[in-house]
């Protein structure tokens, strides 16, 4: 059986990441940045008190926020250097801003019993790299990334 045939028989639950790091809309941007940095994540689901996904926050969202707020960052990124002064100012700004101000409210989710093929098509159609996986009550139980799909193909 080929890698593609093996993948074709799997469901989202077979390859999703089960341990999901998440934040709430009331968390600070600083907390989000720290979580992304410490965990190596590029996207984090934002959940309400019932663990239902109400948004997504990506590293791209954070980068765009800092670029819009500080022209020095744009120059630093162009020159491949970041100043300590800019980093300190960014931390100060991120301590007061909340995730709900920056998160993407348009959330696309998938249920665990869907095929990998359907998940991949949804990611392609939506131009996204991460899908929160939800149960019957729309609670987040996992996350599927393009990396998970690639890792599954490589292991097959």
N, C-alpha and C. Protein backbone atom coordinates (compact mmCIF):
# COMPACT_ATOMS: atom_id res chain seq x y z
N UNK A 1 0.84 -1.17 0.00
CA UNK A 1 0.00 0.00 0.00
C UNK A 1 0.89 1.25 0.00
N UNK A 2 0.57 2.23 -0.82
CA UNK A 2 1.37 3.45 -0.91
C UNK A 2 1.02 4.41 0.22
N UNK A 3 1.86 5.42 0.41
CA UNK A 3 1.61 6.44 1.44
C UNK A 3 0.26 7.09 1.24
N UNK A 4 -0.05 7.42 0.01
CA UNK A 4 -1.31 8.08 -0.29
C UNK A 4 -2.49 7.16 0.04
N UNK A 5 -2.37 5.88 -0.25
CA UNK A 5 -3.45 4.95 0.07
C UNK A 5 -3.64 4.82 1.58
N UNK A 6 -2.54 4.82 2.31
CA UNK A 6 -2.63 4.75 3.77
C UNK A 6 -3.31 6.00 4.32
N UNK A 7 -2.88 7.17 3.84
CA UNK A 7 -3.48 8.43 4.28
C UNK A 7 -4.97 8.45 3.94
N UNK A 8 -5.33 7.91 2.80
CA UNK A 8 -6.73 7.93 2.35
C UNK A 8 -7.64 7.15 3.29
N UNK A 9 -7.08 6.24 4.07
CA UNK A 9 -7.90 5.45 4.98
C UNK A 9 -7.94 6.05 6.39
N UNK A 10 -7.16 7.07 6.64
CA UNK A 10 -7.09 7.65 7.99
C UNK A 10 -8.10 8.78 8.18
N UNK A 11 -8.45 9.01 9.44
CA UNK A 11 -9.32 10.12 9.79
C UNK A 11 -8.49 11.21 10.48
N UNK A 12 -9.10 12.35 10.67
CA UNK A 12 -8.44 13.45 11.36
C UNK A 12 -7.97 13.00 12.74
N UNK A 13 -8.77 12.22 13.44
CA UNK A 13 -8.41 11.75 14.79
C UNK A 13 -7.14 10.92 14.79
N UNK A 14 -6.84 10.25 13.68
CA UNK A 14 -5.65 9.40 13.60
C UNK A 14 -4.35 10.19 13.62
N UNK A 15 -4.36 11.41 13.12
CA UNK A 15 -3.09 12.13 12.99
C UNK A 15 -3.07 13.50 13.67
N UNK A 16 -4.19 13.95 14.22
CA UNK A 16 -4.23 15.28 14.85
C UNK A 16 -3.33 15.32 16.08
N UNK A 17 -2.95 16.51 16.45
CA UNK A 17 -2.23 16.73 17.70
C UNK A 17 -3.28 16.83 18.79
N UNK A 18 -3.16 15.96 19.79
CA UNK A 18 -4.19 15.91 20.82
C UNK A 18 -3.97 16.90 21.95
N UNK A 19 -2.73 17.18 22.24
CA UNK A 19 -2.43 18.15 23.30
C UNK A 19 -2.48 19.54 22.69
N UNK A 20 -3.55 20.28 23.00
CA UNK A 20 -3.77 21.58 22.39
C UNK A 20 -3.49 22.68 23.40
N UNK A 21 -2.58 23.56 23.05
CA UNK A 21 -2.36 24.77 23.83
C UNK A 21 -3.38 25.78 23.35
N UNK A 22 -4.02 26.48 24.27
CA UNK A 22 -5.02 27.46 23.88
C UNK A 22 -4.95 28.67 24.80
N UNK A 23 -5.64 29.71 24.39
CA UNK A 23 -5.75 30.93 25.18
C UNK A 23 -7.20 31.35 25.21
N UNK A 24 -7.51 32.31 26.07
CA UNK A 24 -8.86 32.88 26.10
C UNK A 24 -8.80 34.30 25.54
N UNK A 25 -9.93 34.83 25.11
CA UNK A 25 -9.94 36.19 24.54
C UNK A 25 -9.41 37.25 25.50
N UNK A 26 -9.52 37.02 26.80
CA UNK A 26 -9.07 37.99 27.80
C UNK A 26 -7.60 37.90 28.16
N UNK A 27 -6.88 36.93 27.61
CA UNK A 27 -5.43 36.84 27.85
C UNK A 27 -4.72 37.98 27.12
N UNK A 28 -3.53 38.30 27.58
CA UNK A 28 -2.78 39.40 26.96
C UNK A 28 -1.98 38.91 25.76
N UNK A 29 -1.65 39.86 24.91
CA UNK A 29 -0.79 39.57 23.76
C UNK A 29 0.57 39.07 24.26
N UNK A 30 1.02 39.61 25.38
CA UNK A 30 2.29 39.15 25.95
C UNK A 30 2.22 37.66 26.28
N UNK A 31 1.11 37.22 26.88
CA UNK A 31 0.94 35.80 27.20
C UNK A 31 0.93 34.96 25.92
N UNK A 32 0.27 35.48 24.89
CA UNK A 32 0.22 34.77 23.61
C UNK A 32 1.61 34.65 23.00
N UNK A 33 2.35 35.74 23.00
CA UNK A 33 3.69 35.72 22.42
C UNK A 33 4.60 34.77 23.19
N UNK A 34 4.48 34.79 24.51
CA UNK A 34 5.30 33.89 25.35
C UNK A 34 4.96 32.44 25.06
N UNK A 35 3.66 32.11 24.96
CA UNK A 35 3.25 30.74 24.68
C UNK A 35 3.77 30.29 23.31
N UNK A 36 3.65 31.15 22.31
CA UNK A 36 4.15 30.79 20.98
C UNK A 36 5.65 30.57 21.01
N UNK A 37 6.36 31.45 21.67
CA UNK A 37 7.81 31.34 21.75
C UNK A 37 8.24 30.08 22.48
N UNK A 38 7.64 29.83 23.64
CA UNK A 38 8.04 28.68 24.46
C UNK A 38 7.63 27.34 23.88
N UNK A 39 6.51 27.30 23.15
CA UNK A 39 6.01 26.03 22.63
C UNK A 39 6.35 25.80 21.16
N UNK A 40 6.83 26.83 20.49
CA UNK A 40 7.15 26.70 19.07
C UNK A 40 5.92 26.69 18.18
N UNK A 41 4.79 27.12 18.71
CA UNK A 41 3.55 27.13 17.93
C UNK A 41 3.47 28.39 17.06
N UNK A 42 2.85 28.24 15.91
CA UNK A 42 2.65 29.41 15.05
C UNK A 42 1.19 29.87 15.03
N UNK A 43 0.30 29.05 15.56
CA UNK A 43 -1.12 29.39 15.65
C UNK A 43 -1.71 28.77 16.90
N UNK A 44 -2.57 29.55 17.57
CA UNK A 44 -3.16 29.09 18.82
C UNK A 44 -4.68 29.29 18.76
N UNK A 45 -5.44 28.25 19.08
CA UNK A 45 -6.88 28.42 19.17
C UNK A 45 -7.24 29.28 20.39
N UNK A 46 -8.23 30.13 20.22
CA UNK A 46 -8.74 30.94 21.31
C UNK A 46 -10.09 30.34 21.70
N UNK A 47 -10.23 29.97 22.97
CA UNK A 47 -11.43 29.25 23.41
C UNK A 47 -12.17 30.03 24.50
N UNK A 48 -13.47 29.78 24.57
CA UNK A 48 -14.29 30.39 25.62
C UNK A 48 -14.29 29.49 26.85
N UNK A 49 -15.13 29.80 27.81
CA UNK A 49 -15.20 29.04 29.06
C UNK A 49 -15.69 27.62 28.89
N UNK A 50 -16.31 27.31 27.75
CA UNK A 50 -16.78 25.95 27.47
C UNK A 50 -15.81 25.19 26.56
N UNK A 51 -14.65 25.77 26.35
CA UNK A 51 -13.61 25.22 25.49
C UNK A 51 -14.04 25.12 24.03
N UNK A 52 -14.95 26.01 23.63
CA UNK A 52 -15.34 26.11 22.23
C UNK A 52 -14.47 27.16 21.56
N UNK A 53 -14.06 26.88 20.35
CA UNK A 53 -13.13 27.76 19.64
C UNK A 53 -13.88 29.00 19.14
N UNK A 54 -13.45 30.16 19.62
CA UNK A 54 -14.09 31.42 19.23
C UNK A 54 -13.16 32.27 18.36
N UNK A 55 -11.94 31.80 18.14
CA UNK A 55 -11.00 32.54 17.32
C UNK A 55 -9.69 31.81 17.18
N UNK A 56 -8.83 32.39 16.36
CA UNK A 56 -7.48 31.87 16.17
C UNK A 56 -6.52 33.06 16.21
N UNK A 57 -5.35 32.83 16.76
CA UNK A 57 -4.31 33.86 16.80
C UNK A 57 -3.04 33.24 16.23
N UNK A 58 -2.45 33.92 15.26
CA UNK A 58 -1.26 33.39 14.61
C UNK A 58 -0.05 34.30 14.85
N UNK A 59 1.10 33.71 14.64
CA UNK A 59 2.34 34.48 14.71
C UNK A 59 2.29 35.63 13.71
N UNK A 60 1.67 35.40 12.57
CA UNK A 60 1.51 36.44 11.56
C UNK A 60 0.70 37.62 12.12
N UNK A 61 -0.35 37.33 12.89
CA UNK A 61 -1.15 38.39 13.51
C UNK A 61 -0.29 39.25 14.43
N UNK A 62 0.54 38.59 15.24
CA UNK A 62 1.42 39.33 16.15
C UNK A 62 2.43 40.17 15.38
N UNK A 63 3.02 39.58 14.36
CA UNK A 63 4.01 40.30 13.57
C UNK A 63 3.39 41.54 12.92
N UNK A 64 2.20 41.38 12.35
CA UNK A 64 1.53 42.51 11.71
C UNK A 64 1.20 43.60 12.72
N UNK A 65 0.79 43.21 13.92
CA UNK A 65 0.49 44.20 14.95
C UNK A 65 1.73 45.02 15.28
N UNK A 66 2.84 44.32 15.51
CA UNK A 66 4.06 45.03 15.86
C UNK A 66 4.56 45.89 14.70
N UNK A 67 4.41 45.40 13.47
CA UNK A 67 4.82 46.19 12.31
C UNK A 67 3.99 47.46 12.19
N UNK A 68 2.69 47.35 12.43
CA UNK A 68 1.81 48.51 12.34
C UNK A 68 2.08 49.52 13.44
N UNK A 69 2.55 49.05 14.59
CA UNK A 69 2.76 49.94 15.73
C UNK A 69 4.15 50.55 15.79
N UNK A 70 5.09 49.96 15.09
CA UNK A 70 6.46 50.43 15.29
C UNK A 70 7.24 50.35 13.99
N UNK A 71 7.52 51.49 13.41
CA UNK A 71 8.27 51.53 12.16
C UNK A 71 9.70 51.03 12.34
N UNK A 72 10.22 51.14 13.57
CA UNK A 72 11.58 50.65 13.82
C UNK A 72 11.67 49.15 13.57
N UNK A 73 10.59 48.43 13.88
CA UNK A 73 10.58 46.98 13.64
C UNK A 73 10.70 46.70 12.15
N UNK A 74 9.97 47.45 11.33
CA UNK A 74 10.06 47.25 9.88
C UNK A 74 11.50 47.40 9.42
N UNK A 75 12.16 48.42 9.90
CA UNK A 75 13.57 48.65 9.53
C UNK A 75 14.45 47.53 10.05
N UNK A 76 14.16 47.09 11.29
CA UNK A 76 14.97 46.02 11.89
C UNK A 76 14.81 44.73 11.12
N UNK A 77 13.57 44.43 10.73
CA UNK A 77 13.34 43.20 9.97
C UNK A 77 14.01 43.25 8.62
N UNK A 78 14.03 44.43 8.00
CA UNK A 78 14.71 44.59 6.72
C UNK A 78 16.21 44.37 6.86
N UNK A 79 16.75 44.72 8.01
CA UNK A 79 18.20 44.59 8.19
C UNK A 79 18.58 43.34 8.98
N UNK A 80 17.59 42.48 9.28
CA UNK A 80 17.83 41.25 10.03
C UNK A 80 18.40 41.49 11.43
N UNK A 81 17.96 42.58 12.05
CA UNK A 81 18.40 42.82 13.43
C UNK A 81 17.22 43.38 14.22
N UNK A 82 17.16 43.04 15.48
CA UNK A 82 16.16 43.59 16.38
C UNK A 82 16.88 44.24 17.55
N UNK A 83 16.52 45.47 17.87
CA UNK A 83 17.19 46.16 18.97
C UNK A 83 16.56 45.78 20.30
N UNK A 84 17.37 45.83 21.35
CA UNK A 84 16.85 45.58 22.69
C UNK A 84 15.80 46.62 23.05
N UNK A 85 16.02 47.85 22.62
CA UNK A 85 15.05 48.92 22.89
C UNK A 85 13.69 48.58 22.29
N UNK A 86 13.67 48.11 21.05
CA UNK A 86 12.40 47.77 20.41
C UNK A 86 11.73 46.60 21.14
N UNK A 87 12.51 45.60 21.49
CA UNK A 87 11.94 44.44 22.18
C UNK A 87 11.30 44.86 23.50
N UNK A 88 11.97 45.75 24.24
CA UNK A 88 11.41 46.22 25.52
C UNK A 88 10.12 47.00 25.30
N UNK A 89 10.07 47.86 24.28
CA UNK A 89 8.85 48.62 23.99
C UNK A 89 7.73 47.69 23.56
N UNK A 90 8.05 46.67 22.78
CA UNK A 90 7.03 45.73 22.32
C UNK A 90 6.42 44.96 23.48
N UNK A 91 7.25 44.58 24.43
CA UNK A 91 6.76 43.86 25.61
C UNK A 91 5.81 44.76 26.40
N UNK A 92 6.18 46.05 26.56
CA UNK A 92 5.31 46.98 27.28
C UNK A 92 3.95 47.08 26.60
N UNK A 93 3.93 47.22 25.28
CA UNK A 93 2.68 47.33 24.51
C UNK A 93 1.86 46.06 24.65
N UNK A 94 2.51 44.91 24.57
CA UNK A 94 1.79 43.65 24.57
C UNK A 94 1.22 43.29 25.93
N UNK A 95 1.68 43.95 27.00
CA UNK A 95 1.17 43.66 28.34
C UNK A 95 -0.25 44.19 28.53
N UNK A 96 -0.62 45.22 27.79
CA UNK A 96 -1.93 45.84 27.98
C UNK A 96 -2.94 45.45 26.91
N UNK A 97 -2.50 45.00 25.77
CA UNK A 97 -3.42 44.61 24.69
C UNK A 97 -3.88 43.18 24.91
N UNK A 98 -5.14 42.92 24.55
CA UNK A 98 -5.74 41.61 24.77
C UNK A 98 -5.85 40.82 23.47
N UNK A 99 -5.85 39.51 23.61
CA UNK A 99 -5.97 38.60 22.47
C UNK A 99 -7.21 38.92 21.65
N UNK A 100 -8.33 39.25 22.31
CA UNK A 100 -9.58 39.52 21.59
C UNK A 100 -9.47 40.70 20.63
N UNK A 101 -8.50 41.58 20.83
CA UNK A 101 -8.30 42.72 19.94
C UNK A 101 -7.64 42.31 18.63
N UNK A 102 -6.97 41.19 18.65
CA UNK A 102 -6.12 40.80 17.52
C UNK A 102 -6.52 39.49 16.85
N UNK A 103 -7.24 38.65 17.57
CA UNK A 103 -7.56 37.30 17.04
C UNK A 103 -8.47 37.38 15.82
N UNK A 104 -8.40 36.32 15.03
CA UNK A 104 -9.27 36.17 13.87
C UNK A 104 -10.53 35.47 14.35
N UNK A 105 -11.67 36.12 14.16
CA UNK A 105 -12.94 35.57 14.63
C UNK A 105 -13.56 34.58 13.65
N UNK A 106 -13.05 34.52 12.45
CA UNK A 106 -13.57 33.58 11.45
C UNK A 106 -12.87 32.24 11.64
N UNK A 107 -13.52 31.35 12.36
CA UNK A 107 -12.92 30.07 12.71
C UNK A 107 -13.50 28.96 11.84
N UNK A 108 -12.62 28.17 11.27
CA UNK A 108 -13.01 26.99 10.51
C UNK A 108 -12.54 25.79 11.30
N UNK A 109 -13.47 24.91 11.64
CA UNK A 109 -13.13 23.72 12.43
C UNK A 109 -13.49 22.47 11.64
N UNK A 110 -13.07 21.35 12.19
CA UNK A 110 -13.40 20.05 11.58
C UNK A 110 -13.64 19.05 12.70
N UNK A 111 -14.47 18.06 12.44
CA UNK A 111 -14.71 17.01 13.42
C UNK A 111 -13.71 15.88 13.21
N UNK A 112 -13.47 15.15 14.26
CA UNK A 112 -12.43 14.11 14.27
C UNK A 112 -12.67 12.96 13.30
N UNK A 113 -13.93 12.71 12.93
CA UNK A 113 -14.23 11.56 12.07
C UNK A 113 -14.10 11.86 10.58
N UNK A 114 -13.78 13.09 10.21
CA UNK A 114 -13.61 13.42 8.80
C UNK A 114 -12.31 12.81 8.26
N UNK A 115 -12.29 12.59 6.97
CA UNK A 115 -11.09 12.02 6.33
C UNK A 115 -9.98 13.07 6.24
N UNK A 116 -8.76 12.58 6.15
CA UNK A 116 -7.61 13.47 5.95
C UNK A 116 -7.77 14.21 4.64
N UNK A 117 -8.27 13.52 3.64
CA UNK A 117 -8.50 14.15 2.34
C UNK A 117 -9.45 15.35 2.46
N UNK A 118 -10.54 15.18 3.19
CA UNK A 118 -11.50 16.28 3.38
C UNK A 118 -10.85 17.42 4.15
N UNK A 119 -10.05 17.09 5.16
CA UNK A 119 -9.36 18.13 5.94
C UNK A 119 -8.38 18.90 5.07
N UNK A 120 -7.63 18.18 4.25
CA UNK A 120 -6.67 18.84 3.36
C UNK A 120 -7.38 19.75 2.37
N UNK A 121 -8.50 19.28 1.83
CA UNK A 121 -9.25 20.10 0.88
C UNK A 121 -9.78 21.36 1.56
N UNK A 122 -10.24 21.22 2.79
CA UNK A 122 -10.73 22.37 3.56
C UNK A 122 -9.61 23.38 3.81
N UNK A 123 -8.42 22.88 4.14
CA UNK A 123 -7.28 23.77 4.36
C UNK A 123 -6.90 24.50 3.08
N UNK A 124 -6.89 23.78 1.98
CA UNK A 124 -6.54 24.38 0.68
C UNK A 124 -7.59 25.43 0.31
N UNK A 125 -8.86 25.06 0.38
CA UNK A 125 -9.94 25.98 0.00
C UNK A 125 -9.95 27.24 0.88
N UNK A 126 -9.63 27.07 2.15
CA UNK A 126 -9.66 28.18 3.10
C UNK A 126 -8.32 28.91 3.22
N UNK A 127 -7.29 28.35 2.60
CA UNK A 127 -5.93 28.89 2.64
C UNK A 127 -5.45 29.06 4.09
N UNK A 128 -5.58 27.96 4.85
CA UNK A 128 -5.13 27.94 6.24
C UNK A 128 -4.24 26.73 6.46
N UNK A 129 -3.46 26.77 7.54
CA UNK A 129 -2.54 25.69 7.86
C UNK A 129 -2.92 24.92 9.13
N UNK A 130 -3.96 25.39 9.82
CA UNK A 130 -4.36 24.77 11.08
C UNK A 130 -5.88 24.67 11.16
N UNK A 131 -6.36 23.52 11.60
CA UNK A 131 -7.79 23.30 11.81
C UNK A 131 -8.01 22.81 13.24
N UNK A 132 -8.72 23.58 14.06
CA UNK A 132 -9.10 23.04 15.36
C UNK A 132 -10.04 21.86 15.13
N UNK A 133 -9.83 20.79 15.86
CA UNK A 133 -10.67 19.60 15.77
C UNK A 133 -11.63 19.66 16.95
N UNK A 134 -12.93 19.51 16.65
CA UNK A 134 -13.95 19.66 17.69
C UNK A 134 -14.78 18.39 17.85
N UNK A 135 -15.35 18.25 19.05
CA UNK A 135 -16.25 17.13 19.30
C UNK A 135 -17.68 17.53 18.98
N UNK A 136 -18.63 16.70 19.39
CA UNK A 136 -20.04 16.94 19.07
C UNK A 136 -20.60 18.20 19.71
N UNK A 137 -19.99 18.66 20.79
CA UNK A 137 -20.41 19.90 21.45
C UNK A 137 -19.55 21.10 21.02
N UNK A 138 -18.81 20.94 19.93
CA UNK A 138 -17.93 21.99 19.39
C UNK A 138 -16.79 22.38 20.34
N UNK A 139 -16.42 21.50 21.25
CA UNK A 139 -15.28 21.74 22.13
C UNK A 139 -14.01 21.29 21.42
N UNK A 140 -12.95 22.05 21.59
CA UNK A 140 -11.68 21.73 20.96
C UNK A 140 -11.07 20.50 21.64
N UNK A 141 -10.77 19.49 20.81
CA UNK A 141 -10.17 18.25 21.33
C UNK A 141 -8.84 17.95 20.66
N UNK A 142 -8.45 18.77 19.70
CA UNK A 142 -7.20 18.57 18.99
C UNK A 142 -7.01 19.67 17.98
N UNK A 143 -5.91 19.58 17.27
CA UNK A 143 -5.64 20.51 16.18
C UNK A 143 -4.92 19.75 15.09
N UNK A 144 -5.29 20.03 13.86
CA UNK A 144 -4.66 19.39 12.71
C UNK A 144 -3.92 20.47 11.93
N UNK A 145 -2.66 20.23 11.68
CA UNK A 145 -1.85 21.19 10.91
C UNK A 145 -1.33 20.53 9.64
N UNK A 146 -0.89 21.36 8.73
CA UNK A 146 -0.28 20.81 7.51
C UNK A 146 0.94 19.98 7.88
N UNK A 147 1.62 20.35 8.96
CA UNK A 147 2.78 19.57 9.41
C UNK A 147 2.36 18.17 9.83
N UNK A 148 1.20 18.06 10.52
CA UNK A 148 0.70 16.74 10.91
C UNK A 148 0.46 15.86 9.68
N UNK A 149 -0.10 16.45 8.63
CA UNK A 149 -0.36 15.71 7.39
C UNK A 149 0.95 15.26 6.76
N UNK A 150 1.89 16.17 6.66
CA UNK A 150 3.20 15.84 6.06
C UNK A 150 3.91 14.77 6.87
N UNK A 151 3.86 14.89 8.18
CA UNK A 151 4.49 13.89 9.05
C UNK A 151 3.85 12.52 8.85
N UNK A 152 2.55 12.48 8.68
CA UNK A 152 1.85 11.22 8.46
C UNK A 152 2.24 10.58 7.13
N UNK A 153 2.35 11.41 6.11
CA UNK A 153 2.77 10.91 4.79
C UNK A 153 4.20 10.36 4.88
N UNK A 154 5.05 11.09 5.56
CA UNK A 154 6.45 10.67 5.69
C UNK A 154 6.59 9.35 6.45
N UNK A 155 5.71 9.15 7.42
CA UNK A 155 5.78 7.93 8.24
C UNK A 155 5.15 6.72 7.58
N UNK A 156 4.33 6.97 6.56
CA UNK A 156 3.61 5.86 5.92
C UNK A 156 4.50 5.03 5.02
